[in-house]
Amino acid sequence: MNLANAIVVGYFSLPAPSLAEANPTAYNLAMAEAPAGAGSCAHCGMGILHHVVVETEGVRAFIGTTCALKVGEEPVRRCVREGKTSDQIAALDAKRETERLAFAASVKAEEARVAKRSEEFADLLKILRTQGSDFCSSLADQLARGPLSERQAYCGAKAVFGRETKKNTGQWNAFFYRCRGATLTPEGWDL
């Protein structure tokens, strides 16, 4: 049997021999429902309980899972390893590809958003990054992604200007509120 172009169309198992001892009637009914040719591998001829239903060149055959894993081509082996039919694997691959493309698009959109924000806040990012500390650099990275929390903006302003004084209050507040995402309106800073 050539499994080069085989596709997996299903699985089934015969009842275990222990069922014949425990409930002979149930065992006989289950065996009567088994399709013709079940019980032996079409590839090696060995007796089997667990069947892989393959279709190759328009012919359906039953092979054992061991033969499917040993002599089957990679698509058949993958189906058996995952316990799915060829159609299910194709649907799963299509879903994964769709998810991968959606994720790639979201990453690209996020990169564009961060680039736009980095351009908008370039002056603040430069000030934070030139402070020479990992903390300020991490604040700059966070600011490139979104507004800072009140505590982060306060710590950033303090690192750049020191304490807020009458002399630096305008610069200090401008830095603090811009880091928070506020805009300056005629009435003052609007968060």
N, C-alpha and C. Protein backbone atom coordinates (compact mmCIF):
# COMPACT_ATOMS: atom_id res chain seq x y z
N MET A 1 0.85 -1.18 0.00
CA MET A 1 0.00 0.00 0.00
C MET A 1 0.89 1.23 0.00
N ASN A 2 0.65 2.13 -0.94
CA ASN A 2 1.42 3.36 -1.07
C ASN A 2 0.70 4.46 -0.28
N LEU A 3 1.38 5.02 0.73
CA LEU A 3 0.79 6.06 1.56
C LEU A 3 1.30 7.45 1.19
N ALA A 4 1.91 7.56 0.00
CA ALA A 4 2.51 8.83 -0.40
C ALA A 4 1.47 9.95 -0.50
N ASN A 5 0.33 9.68 -1.07
CA ASN A 5 -0.70 10.70 -1.25
C ASN A 5 -1.93 10.44 -0.39
N ALA A 6 -1.75 9.68 0.66
CA ALA A 6 -2.88 9.31 1.51
C ALA A 6 -3.35 10.50 2.34
N ILE A 7 -4.65 10.52 2.58
CA ILE A 7 -5.22 11.49 3.51
C ILE A 7 -5.96 10.71 4.59
N VAL A 8 -5.95 11.25 5.79
CA VAL A 8 -6.63 10.61 6.91
C VAL A 8 -8.07 11.11 6.93
N VAL A 9 -9.02 10.18 6.87
CA VAL A 9 -10.43 10.58 6.85
C VAL A 9 -11.15 10.21 8.14
N GLY A 10 -10.51 9.46 9.02
CA GLY A 10 -11.16 9.13 10.29
C GLY A 10 -10.39 8.13 11.12
N TYR A 11 -10.97 7.84 12.27
CA TYR A 11 -10.38 6.89 13.23
C TYR A 11 -11.51 6.08 13.83
N PHE A 12 -11.22 4.88 14.22
CA PHE A 12 -12.14 4.12 15.06
C PHE A 12 -11.38 3.01 15.74
N SER A 13 -11.98 2.47 16.78
CA SER A 13 -11.36 1.37 17.53
C SER A 13 -12.37 0.25 17.67
N LEU A 14 -11.87 -0.95 17.63
CA LEU A 14 -12.71 -2.11 17.92
C LEU A 14 -12.81 -2.25 19.43
N PRO A 15 -13.83 -2.95 19.90
CA PRO A 15 -13.94 -3.12 21.35
C PRO A 15 -12.78 -3.97 21.88
N ALA A 16 -12.38 -3.68 23.10
CA ALA A 16 -11.28 -4.41 23.72
C ALA A 16 -11.72 -5.84 24.02
N PRO A 17 -10.78 -6.80 23.97
CA PRO A 17 -11.13 -8.19 24.28
C PRO A 17 -11.68 -8.36 25.70
N SER A 18 -11.32 -7.46 26.59
CA SER A 18 -11.85 -7.58 27.96
C SER A 18 -13.36 -7.38 27.99
N LEU A 19 -13.91 -6.65 27.01
CA LEU A 19 -15.37 -6.49 26.94
C LEU A 19 -16.03 -7.82 26.63
N ALA A 20 -15.38 -8.68 25.84
CA ALA A 20 -15.95 -9.99 25.50
C ALA A 20 -16.11 -10.84 26.75
N GLU A 21 -15.17 -10.71 27.69
CA GLU A 21 -15.27 -11.46 28.93
C GLU A 21 -16.32 -10.88 29.86
N ALA A 22 -16.39 -9.56 29.92
CA ALA A 22 -17.31 -8.91 30.85
C ALA A 22 -18.73 -8.89 30.31
N ASN A 23 -18.92 -8.64 29.04
CA ASN A 23 -20.25 -8.52 28.46
C ASN A 23 -20.21 -9.02 27.02
N PRO A 24 -20.34 -10.32 26.82
CA PRO A 24 -20.23 -10.89 25.47
C PRO A 24 -21.25 -10.32 24.48
N THR A 25 -22.45 -10.02 24.94
CA THR A 25 -23.48 -9.48 24.05
C THR A 25 -23.06 -8.11 23.52
N ALA A 26 -22.58 -7.23 24.39
CA ALA A 26 -22.14 -5.91 23.97
C ALA A 26 -20.95 -6.01 23.01
N TYR A 27 -20.05 -6.95 23.29
CA TYR A 27 -18.89 -7.14 22.43
C TYR A 27 -19.34 -7.58 21.03
N ASN A 28 -20.25 -8.54 20.97
CA ASN A 28 -20.73 -9.04 19.68
C ASN A 28 -21.47 -7.95 18.90
N LEU A 29 -22.26 -7.12 19.59
CA LEU A 29 -22.96 -6.02 18.92
C LEU A 29 -21.96 -5.00 18.37
N ALA A 30 -20.94 -4.70 19.14
CA ALA A 30 -19.92 -3.74 18.69
C ALA A 30 -19.16 -4.30 17.49
N MET A 31 -18.85 -5.58 17.52
CA MET A 31 -18.12 -6.19 16.40
C MET A 31 -18.99 -6.25 15.16
N ALA A 32 -20.30 -6.43 15.32
CA ALA A 32 -21.20 -6.48 14.18
C ALA A 32 -21.28 -5.12 13.48
N GLU A 33 -21.10 -4.04 14.24
CA GLU A 33 -21.15 -2.69 13.66
C GLU A 33 -19.83 -2.28 13.02
N ALA A 34 -18.78 -3.04 13.25
CA ALA A 34 -17.47 -2.70 12.67
C ALA A 34 -17.52 -2.87 11.16
N PRO A 35 -16.87 -1.98 10.41
CA PRO A 35 -16.88 -2.08 8.95
C PRO A 35 -16.10 -3.31 8.48
N ALA A 36 -16.42 -3.74 7.28
CA ALA A 36 -15.74 -4.89 6.70
C ALA A 36 -14.25 -4.57 6.53
N GLY A 37 -13.41 -5.49 6.86
CA GLY A 37 -11.98 -5.32 6.74
C GLY A 37 -11.33 -4.79 8.00
N ALA A 38 -12.13 -4.48 9.00
CA ALA A 38 -11.57 -3.98 10.25
C ALA A 38 -10.93 -5.13 11.01
N GLY A 39 -9.94 -4.80 11.80
CA GLY A 39 -9.27 -5.80 12.63
C GLY A 39 -7.87 -6.13 12.19
N SER A 40 -7.53 -5.83 10.92
CA SER A 40 -6.16 -6.08 10.48
C SER A 40 -5.67 -4.88 9.66
N CYS A 41 -4.40 -4.63 9.75
CA CYS A 41 -3.78 -3.50 9.07
C CYS A 41 -3.63 -3.80 7.58
N ALA A 42 -4.08 -2.87 6.73
CA ALA A 42 -3.99 -3.07 5.29
C ALA A 42 -2.55 -2.96 4.80
N HIS A 43 -1.66 -2.43 5.62
CA HIS A 43 -0.28 -2.28 5.21
C HIS A 43 0.56 -3.50 5.59
N CYS A 44 0.47 -3.94 6.86
CA CYS A 44 1.34 -5.03 7.31
C CYS A 44 0.60 -6.33 7.60
N GLY A 45 -0.72 -6.28 7.70
CA GLY A 45 -1.50 -7.49 7.96
C GLY A 45 -1.64 -7.86 9.43
N MET A 46 -1.05 -7.11 10.33
CA MET A 46 -1.15 -7.41 11.76
C MET A 46 -2.55 -7.08 12.27
N GLY A 47 -2.96 -7.79 13.33
CA GLY A 47 -4.23 -7.49 13.96
C GLY A 47 -4.14 -6.18 14.73
N ILE A 48 -5.17 -5.36 14.64
CA ILE A 48 -5.15 -4.04 15.29
C ILE A 48 -6.49 -3.74 15.95
N LEU A 49 -6.44 -2.97 17.03
CA LEU A 49 -7.65 -2.48 17.69
C LEU A 49 -7.95 -1.06 17.24
N HIS A 50 -6.93 -0.23 17.16
CA HIS A 50 -7.10 1.19 16.84
C HIS A 50 -6.76 1.41 15.37
N HIS A 51 -7.73 1.89 14.62
CA HIS A 51 -7.62 2.01 13.17
C HIS A 51 -7.52 3.48 12.74
N VAL A 52 -6.68 3.70 11.75
CA VAL A 52 -6.62 4.97 11.07
C VAL A 52 -7.23 4.73 9.69
N VAL A 53 -8.26 5.46 9.35
CA VAL A 53 -8.92 5.31 8.06
C VAL A 53 -8.25 6.27 7.09
N VAL A 54 -7.59 5.70 6.09
CA VAL A 54 -6.90 6.52 5.09
C VAL A 54 -7.55 6.32 3.74
N GLU A 55 -7.42 7.33 2.92
CA GLU A 55 -7.92 7.23 1.54
C GLU A 55 -6.75 7.57 0.63
N THR A 56 -6.45 6.68 -0.26
CA THR A 56 -5.37 6.90 -1.21
C THR A 56 -5.82 6.39 -2.57
N GLU A 57 -5.67 7.23 -3.56
CA GLU A 57 -6.05 6.91 -4.94
C GLU A 57 -7.50 6.43 -5.01
N GLY A 58 -8.39 7.05 -4.24
CA GLY A 58 -9.81 6.73 -4.27
C GLY A 58 -10.20 5.48 -3.49
N VAL A 59 -9.26 4.84 -2.82
CA VAL A 59 -9.55 3.61 -2.07
C VAL A 59 -9.38 3.89 -0.59
N ARG A 60 -10.38 3.46 0.19
CA ARG A 60 -10.29 3.58 1.65
C ARG A 60 -9.70 2.31 2.22
N ALA A 61 -8.83 2.51 3.21
CA ALA A 61 -8.20 1.36 3.86
C ALA A 61 -8.01 1.67 5.33
N PHE A 62 -7.85 0.61 6.12
CA PHE A 62 -7.60 0.74 7.55
C PHE A 62 -6.17 0.34 7.82
N ILE A 63 -5.43 1.21 8.50
CA ILE A 63 -4.08 0.85 8.90
C ILE A 63 -3.96 1.12 10.40
N GLY A 64 -3.02 0.47 11.02
CA GLY A 64 -2.79 0.67 12.43
C GLY A 64 -2.04 1.98 12.68
N THR A 65 -2.14 2.47 13.88
CA THR A 65 -1.48 3.73 14.21
C THR A 65 0.05 3.59 14.12
N THR A 66 0.57 2.41 14.47
CA THR A 66 2.01 2.19 14.40
C THR A 66 2.50 2.27 12.96
N CYS A 67 1.80 1.61 12.04
CA CYS A 67 2.19 1.67 10.62
C CYS A 67 2.03 3.09 10.09
N ALA A 68 0.98 3.79 10.51
CA ALA A 68 0.76 5.15 10.04
C ALA A 68 1.92 6.04 10.46
N LEU A 69 2.42 5.83 11.68
CA LEU A 69 3.53 6.65 12.16
C LEU A 69 4.86 6.25 11.53
N LYS A 70 5.02 4.96 11.21
CA LYS A 70 6.30 4.50 10.67
C LYS A 70 6.43 4.71 9.16
N VAL A 71 5.40 4.35 8.40
CA VAL A 71 5.54 4.37 6.95
C VAL A 71 4.75 5.48 6.28
N GLY A 72 3.89 6.16 7.01
CA GLY A 72 3.11 7.24 6.41
C GLY A 72 3.97 8.46 6.14
N GLU A 73 3.55 9.24 5.16
CA GLU A 73 4.23 10.50 4.87
C GLU A 73 3.95 11.46 6.03
N GLU A 74 4.65 12.58 6.06
CA GLU A 74 4.52 13.53 7.18
C GLU A 74 3.08 13.99 7.43
N PRO A 75 2.27 14.30 6.38
CA PRO A 75 0.89 14.70 6.68
C PRO A 75 0.11 13.62 7.44
N VAL A 76 0.31 12.36 7.09
CA VAL A 76 -0.39 11.26 7.78
C VAL A 76 0.14 11.14 9.21
N ARG A 77 1.46 11.21 9.37
CA ARG A 77 2.04 11.11 10.72
C ARG A 77 1.55 12.25 11.61
N ARG A 78 1.48 13.45 11.04
CA ARG A 78 0.99 14.59 11.84
C ARG A 78 -0.46 14.38 12.25
N CYS A 79 -1.28 13.89 11.34
CA CYS A 79 -2.70 13.63 11.67
C CYS A 79 -2.80 12.64 12.82
N VAL A 80 -2.02 11.58 12.77
CA VAL A 80 -2.08 10.54 13.81
C VAL A 80 -1.55 11.10 15.13
N ARG A 81 -0.45 11.85 15.09
CA ARG A 81 0.09 12.43 16.32
C ARG A 81 -0.91 13.35 16.99
N GLU A 82 -1.64 14.14 16.20
CA GLU A 82 -2.58 15.10 16.75
C GLU A 82 -3.99 14.53 16.90
N GLY A 83 -4.22 13.32 16.37
CA GLY A 83 -5.54 12.69 16.49
C GLY A 83 -6.62 13.41 15.70
N LYS A 84 -6.25 13.93 14.54
CA LYS A 84 -7.20 14.69 13.72
C LYS A 84 -7.18 14.15 12.29
N THR A 85 -8.25 14.45 11.57
CA THR A 85 -8.29 14.07 10.16
C THR A 85 -7.55 15.11 9.34
N SER A 86 -7.33 14.81 8.06
CA SER A 86 -6.63 15.75 7.18
C SER A 86 -7.41 17.05 7.04
N ASP A 87 -8.75 16.96 6.96
CA ASP A 87 -9.57 18.17 6.88
C ASP A 87 -9.45 19.01 8.14
N GLN A 88 -9.43 18.37 9.29
CA GLN A 88 -9.30 19.10 10.56
C GLN A 88 -7.93 19.78 10.65
N ILE A 89 -6.90 19.10 10.20
CA ILE A 89 -5.55 19.68 10.21
C ILE A 89 -5.50 20.88 9.26
N ALA A 90 -6.12 20.76 8.08
CA ALA A 90 -6.13 21.87 7.12
C ALA A 90 -6.87 23.07 7.72
N ALA A 91 -8.00 22.83 8.37
CA ALA A 91 -8.75 23.91 9.00
C ALA A 91 -7.95 24.55 10.13
N LEU A 92 -7.26 23.72 10.92
CA LEU A 92 -6.43 24.22 12.01
C LEU A 92 -5.28 25.08 11.46
N ASP A 93 -4.64 24.61 10.39
CA ASP A 93 -3.55 25.39 9.78
C ASP A 93 -4.05 26.71 9.23
N ALA A 94 -5.23 26.70 8.61
CA ALA A 94 -5.81 27.93 8.08
C ALA A 94 -6.12 28.91 9.21
N LYS A 95 -6.65 28.39 10.32
CA LYS A 95 -6.96 29.24 11.47
C LYS A 95 -5.68 29.83 12.05
N ARG A 96 -4.64 29.01 12.18
CA ARG A 96 -3.38 29.50 12.72
C ARG A 96 -2.75 30.56 11.82
N GLU A 97 -2.86 30.38 10.51
CA GLU A 97 -2.32 31.36 9.58
C GLU A 97 -3.08 32.67 9.68
N THR A 98 -4.41 32.59 9.81
CA THR A 98 -5.22 33.79 9.98
C THR A 98 -4.83 34.51 11.27
N GLU A 99 -4.66 33.77 12.35
CA GLU A 99 -4.25 34.36 13.62
C GLU A 99 -2.85 34.97 13.52
N ARG A 100 -1.95 34.30 12.81
CA ARG A 100 -0.60 34.82 12.65
C ARG A 100 -0.61 36.14 11.88
N LEU A 101 -1.42 36.19 10.81
CA LEU A 101 -1.51 37.42 10.03
C LEU A 101 -2.15 38.55 10.84
N ALA A 102 -3.18 38.23 11.63
CA ALA A 102 -3.82 39.23 12.48
C ALA A 102 -2.84 39.75 13.53
N PHE A 103 -2.06 38.84 14.11
CA PHE A 103 -1.07 39.25 15.10
C PHE A 103 0.00 40.14 14.46
N ALA A 104 0.46 39.75 13.27
CA ALA A 104 1.47 40.55 12.58
C ALA A 104 0.93 41.95 12.26
N ALA A 105 -0.34 42.02 11.88
CA ALA A 105 -0.95 43.32 11.59
C ALA A 105 -1.06 44.16 12.86
N SER A 106 -1.41 43.53 13.97
CA SER A 106 -1.53 44.28 15.22
C SER A 106 -0.16 44.76 15.70
N VAL A 107 0.87 43.95 15.51
CA VAL A 107 2.24 44.36 15.87
C VAL A 107 2.66 45.55 15.01
N LYS A 108 2.36 45.48 13.72
CA LYS A 108 2.73 46.58 12.82
C LYS A 108 1.98 47.85 13.20
N ALA A 109 0.70 47.73 13.54
CA ALA A 109 -0.09 48.91 13.95
C ALA A 109 0.47 49.49 15.25
N GLU A 110 0.85 48.62 16.19
CA GLU A 110 1.42 49.08 17.46
C GLU A 110 2.75 49.79 17.22
N GLU A 111 3.58 49.24 16.33
CA GLU A 111 4.85 49.88 16.01
C GLU A 111 4.63 51.26 15.39
N ALA A 112 3.62 51.37 14.52
CA ALA A 112 3.31 52.67 13.91
C ALA A 112 2.82 53.66 14.96
N ARG A 113 1.99 53.17 15.90
CA ARG A 113 1.48 54.04 16.96
C ARG A 113 2.63 54.52 17.84
N VAL A 114 3.54 53.62 18.21
CA VAL A 114 4.69 53.99 19.05
C VAL A 114 5.60 54.96 18.30
N ALA A 115 5.79 54.74 17.00
CA ALA A 115 6.63 55.66 16.21
C ALA A 115 6.01 57.05 16.17
N LYS A 116 4.69 57.11 16.02
CA LYS A 116 4.01 58.40 16.00
C LYS A 116 4.12 59.10 17.35
N ARG A 117 3.92 58.34 18.42
CA ARG A 117 4.06 58.90 19.78
C ARG A 117 5.49 59.34 20.04
N SER A 118 6.45 58.55 19.59
CA SER A 118 7.87 58.90 19.79
C SER A 118 8.21 60.19 19.09
N GLU A 119 7.60 60.41 17.93
CA GLU A 119 7.83 61.65 17.20
C GLU A 119 7.17 62.83 17.93
N GLU A 120 5.95 62.59 18.44
CA GLU A 120 5.20 63.64 19.14
C GLU A 120 5.89 64.05 20.44
N PHE A 121 6.48 63.08 21.14
CA PHE A 121 7.10 63.34 22.44
C PHE A 121 8.63 63.27 22.36
N ALA A 122 9.19 63.54 21.18
CA ALA A 122 10.64 63.40 20.98
C ALA A 122 11.44 64.24 21.96
N ASP A 123 10.96 65.45 22.26
CA ASP A 123 11.71 66.32 23.18
C ASP A 123 11.76 65.73 24.59
N LEU A 124 10.64 65.21 25.07
CA LEU A 124 10.62 64.62 26.41
C LEU A 124 11.43 63.32 26.46
N LEU A 125 11.32 62.52 25.42
CA LEU A 125 12.07 61.26 25.37
C LEU A 125 13.57 61.53 25.39
N LYS A 126 14.00 62.55 24.65
CA LYS A 126 15.42 62.89 24.61
C LYS A 126 15.89 63.35 25.99
N ILE A 127 15.09 64.18 26.65
CA ILE A 127 15.45 64.65 27.99
C ILE A 127 15.58 63.48 28.96
N LEU A 128 14.61 62.58 28.92
CA LEU A 128 14.65 61.43 29.85
C LEU A 128 15.83 60.52 29.55
N ARG A 129 16.09 60.26 28.28
CA ARG A 129 17.17 59.32 27.93
C ARG A 129 18.55 59.90 28.21
N THR A 130 18.68 61.21 28.18
CA THR A 130 20.00 61.80 28.44
C THR A 130 20.31 61.91 29.93
N GLN A 131 19.39 61.51 30.78
CA GLN A 131 19.65 61.54 32.23
C GLN A 131 20.68 60.49 32.62
N GLY A 132 20.84 59.46 31.79
CA GLY A 132 21.88 58.46 32.04
C GLY A 132 21.54 57.40 33.06
N SER A 133 20.25 57.27 33.41
CA SER A 133 19.88 56.21 34.36
C SER A 133 18.92 55.24 33.69
N ASP A 134 18.98 54.00 34.12
CA ASP A 134 18.07 52.99 33.59
C ASP A 134 16.62 53.36 33.89
N PHE A 135 16.39 53.95 35.07
CA PHE A 135 15.04 54.33 35.45
C PHE A 135 14.45 55.35 34.47
N CYS A 136 15.21 56.37 34.16
CA CYS A 136 14.72 57.38 33.22
C CYS A 136 14.56 56.81 31.81
N SER A 137 15.45 55.92 31.43
CA SER A 137 15.32 55.27 30.12
C SER A 137 14.05 54.42 30.07
N SER A 138 13.74 53.73 31.18
CA SER A 138 12.51 52.93 31.19
C SER A 138 11.28 53.83 31.17
N LEU A 139 11.35 55.00 31.82
CA LEU A 139 10.23 55.95 31.73
C LEU A 139 10.06 56.44 30.30
N ALA A 140 11.17 56.66 29.60
CA ALA A 140 11.09 57.09 28.20
C ALA A 140 10.45 56.01 27.34
N ASP A 141 10.83 54.76 27.57
CA ASP A 141 10.24 53.65 26.81
C ASP A 141 8.74 53.56 27.07
N GLN A 142 8.33 53.75 28.32
CA GLN A 142 6.91 53.69 28.66
C GLN A 142 6.16 54.88 28.07
N LEU A 143 6.77 56.05 28.08
CA LEU A 143 6.15 57.24 27.53
C LEU A 143 5.95 57.09 26.01
N ALA A 144 6.86 56.39 25.36
CA ALA A 144 6.71 56.15 23.92
C ALA A 144 5.51 55.27 23.62
N ARG A 145 5.08 54.48 24.59
CA ARG A 145 3.93 53.59 24.39
C ARG A 145 2.61 54.19 24.87
N GLY A 146 2.67 55.09 25.85
CA GLY A 146 1.45 55.68 26.38
C GLY A 146 1.77 56.63 27.52
N PRO A 147 0.74 57.30 28.05
CA PRO A 147 0.98 58.26 29.13
C PRO A 147 1.50 57.57 30.39
N LEU A 148 2.29 58.32 31.15
CA LEU A 148 2.82 57.80 32.41
C LEU A 148 1.79 57.98 33.51
N SER A 149 1.92 57.18 34.56
CA SER A 149 1.06 57.35 35.73
C SER A 149 1.50 58.63 36.44
N GLU A 150 0.68 59.08 37.37
CA GLU A 150 1.01 60.29 38.11
C GLU A 150 2.34 60.14 38.84
N ARG A 151 2.54 59.00 39.48
CA ARG A 151 3.77 58.75 40.23
C ARG A 151 4.99 58.71 39.29
N GLN A 152 4.84 58.04 38.14
CA GLN A 152 5.95 57.97 37.19
C GLN A 152 6.30 59.36 36.65
N ALA A 153 5.27 60.15 36.31
CA ALA A 153 5.52 61.50 35.80
C ALA A 153 6.20 62.36 36.86
N TYR A 154 5.78 62.22 38.11
CA TYR A 154 6.39 62.97 39.20
C TYR A 154 7.87 62.60 39.34
N CYS A 155 8.15 61.28 39.34
CA CYS A 155 9.55 60.82 39.48
C CYS A 155 10.39 61.27 38.29
N GLY A 156 9.82 61.24 37.08
CA GLY A 156 10.54 61.71 35.90
C GLY A 156 10.86 63.19 35.99
N ALA A 157 9.87 64.00 36.40
CA ALA A 157 10.09 65.44 36.54
C ALA A 157 11.13 65.72 37.61
N LYS A 158 11.07 64.98 38.69
CA LYS A 158 12.03 65.17 39.78
C LYS A 158 13.44 64.80 39.32
N ALA A 159 13.56 63.72 38.51
CA ALA A 159 14.88 63.31 38.02
C ALA A 159 15.46 64.35 37.08
N VAL A 160 14.62 65.01 36.30
CA VAL A 160 15.09 65.99 35.33
C VAL A 160 15.34 67.36 35.97
N PHE A 161 14.38 67.85 36.78
CA PHE A 161 14.45 69.22 37.30
C PHE A 161 14.79 69.30 38.79
N GLY A 162 14.80 68.18 39.46
CA GLY A 162 14.95 68.22 40.91
C GLY A 162 13.61 68.59 41.53
N ARG A 163 13.67 69.16 42.68
CA ARG A 163 12.41 69.56 43.33
C ARG A 163 11.74 70.68 42.55
N GLU A 164 10.43 70.74 42.68
CA GLU A 164 9.69 71.84 42.05
C GLU A 164 9.89 73.10 42.89
N THR A 165 10.35 74.15 42.26
CA THR A 165 10.56 75.44 42.93
C THR A 165 9.82 76.52 42.17
N LYS A 166 9.79 77.72 42.76
CA LYS A 166 9.14 78.84 42.07
C LYS A 166 9.83 79.14 40.75
N LYS A 167 11.12 78.92 40.73
CA LYS A 167 11.92 79.23 39.56
C LYS A 167 11.65 78.28 38.39
N ASN A 168 11.43 76.99 38.70
CA ASN A 168 11.26 76.00 37.62
C ASN A 168 9.83 75.46 37.51
N THR A 169 8.89 76.06 38.19
CA THR A 169 7.54 75.49 38.24
C THR A 169 6.87 75.39 36.87
N GLY A 170 7.12 76.36 35.98
CA GLY A 170 6.52 76.30 34.63
C GLY A 170 7.04 75.11 33.85
N GLN A 171 8.36 74.94 33.82
CA GLN A 171 8.97 73.81 33.11
C GLN A 171 8.58 72.48 33.77
N TRP A 172 8.61 72.49 35.09
CA TRP A 172 8.30 71.27 35.85
C TRP A 172 6.88 70.81 35.53
N ASN A 173 5.91 71.74 35.60
CA ASN A 173 4.51 71.40 35.32
C ASN A 173 4.31 70.99 33.86
N ALA A 174 4.95 71.69 32.94
CA ALA A 174 4.82 71.34 31.52
C ALA A 174 5.31 69.92 31.29
N PHE A 175 6.47 69.60 31.86
CA PHE A 175 7.02 68.26 31.72
C PHE A 175 6.09 67.22 32.35
N PHE A 176 5.67 67.49 33.58
CA PHE A 176 4.81 66.56 34.33
C PHE A 176 3.50 66.30 33.59
N TYR A 177 2.81 67.34 33.19
CA TYR A 177 1.49 67.17 32.57
C TYR A 177 1.58 66.57 31.17
N ARG A 178 2.61 66.91 30.42
CA ARG A 178 2.76 66.27 29.10
C ARG A 178 3.04 64.79 29.25
N CYS A 179 3.83 64.42 30.26
CA CYS A 179 4.09 62.99 30.51
C CYS A 179 2.79 62.27 30.88
N ARG A 180 1.88 62.96 31.53
CA ARG A 180 0.60 62.39 31.93
C ARG A 180 -0.37 62.31 30.77
N GLY A 181 -0.05 62.97 29.64
CA GLY A 181 -0.93 62.95 28.47
C GLY A 181 -1.86 64.13 28.40
N ALA A 182 -1.60 65.15 29.22
CA ALA A 182 -2.46 66.33 29.23
C ALA A 182 -2.11 67.27 28.09
N THR A 183 -3.07 68.09 27.74
CA THR A 183 -2.83 69.13 26.74
C THR A 183 -3.06 70.49 27.39
N LEU A 184 -2.33 71.47 26.92
CA LEU A 184 -2.44 72.81 27.48
C LEU A 184 -3.58 73.55 26.78
N THR A 185 -4.53 73.99 27.56
CA THR A 185 -5.66 74.77 27.06
C THR A 185 -5.56 76.16 27.65
N PRO A 186 -6.36 77.11 27.16
CA PRO A 186 -6.32 78.46 27.74
C PRO A 186 -6.65 78.46 29.22
N GLU A 187 -7.43 77.49 29.68
CA GLU A 187 -7.79 77.40 31.09
C GLU A 187 -6.71 76.70 31.93
N GLY A 188 -5.78 76.05 31.29
CA GLY A 188 -4.73 75.31 32.00
C GLY A 188 -4.56 73.92 31.39
N TRP A 189 -3.90 73.05 32.14
CA TRP A 189 -3.65 71.69 31.65
C TRP A 189 -4.91 70.85 31.77
N ASP A 190 -5.25 70.16 30.68
CA ASP A 190 -6.46 69.34 30.64
C ASP A 190 -6.08 67.87 30.54
N LEU A 191 -6.37 67.12 31.61
CA LEU A 191 -6.08 65.68 31.59
C LEU A 191 -7.20 64.95 30.98
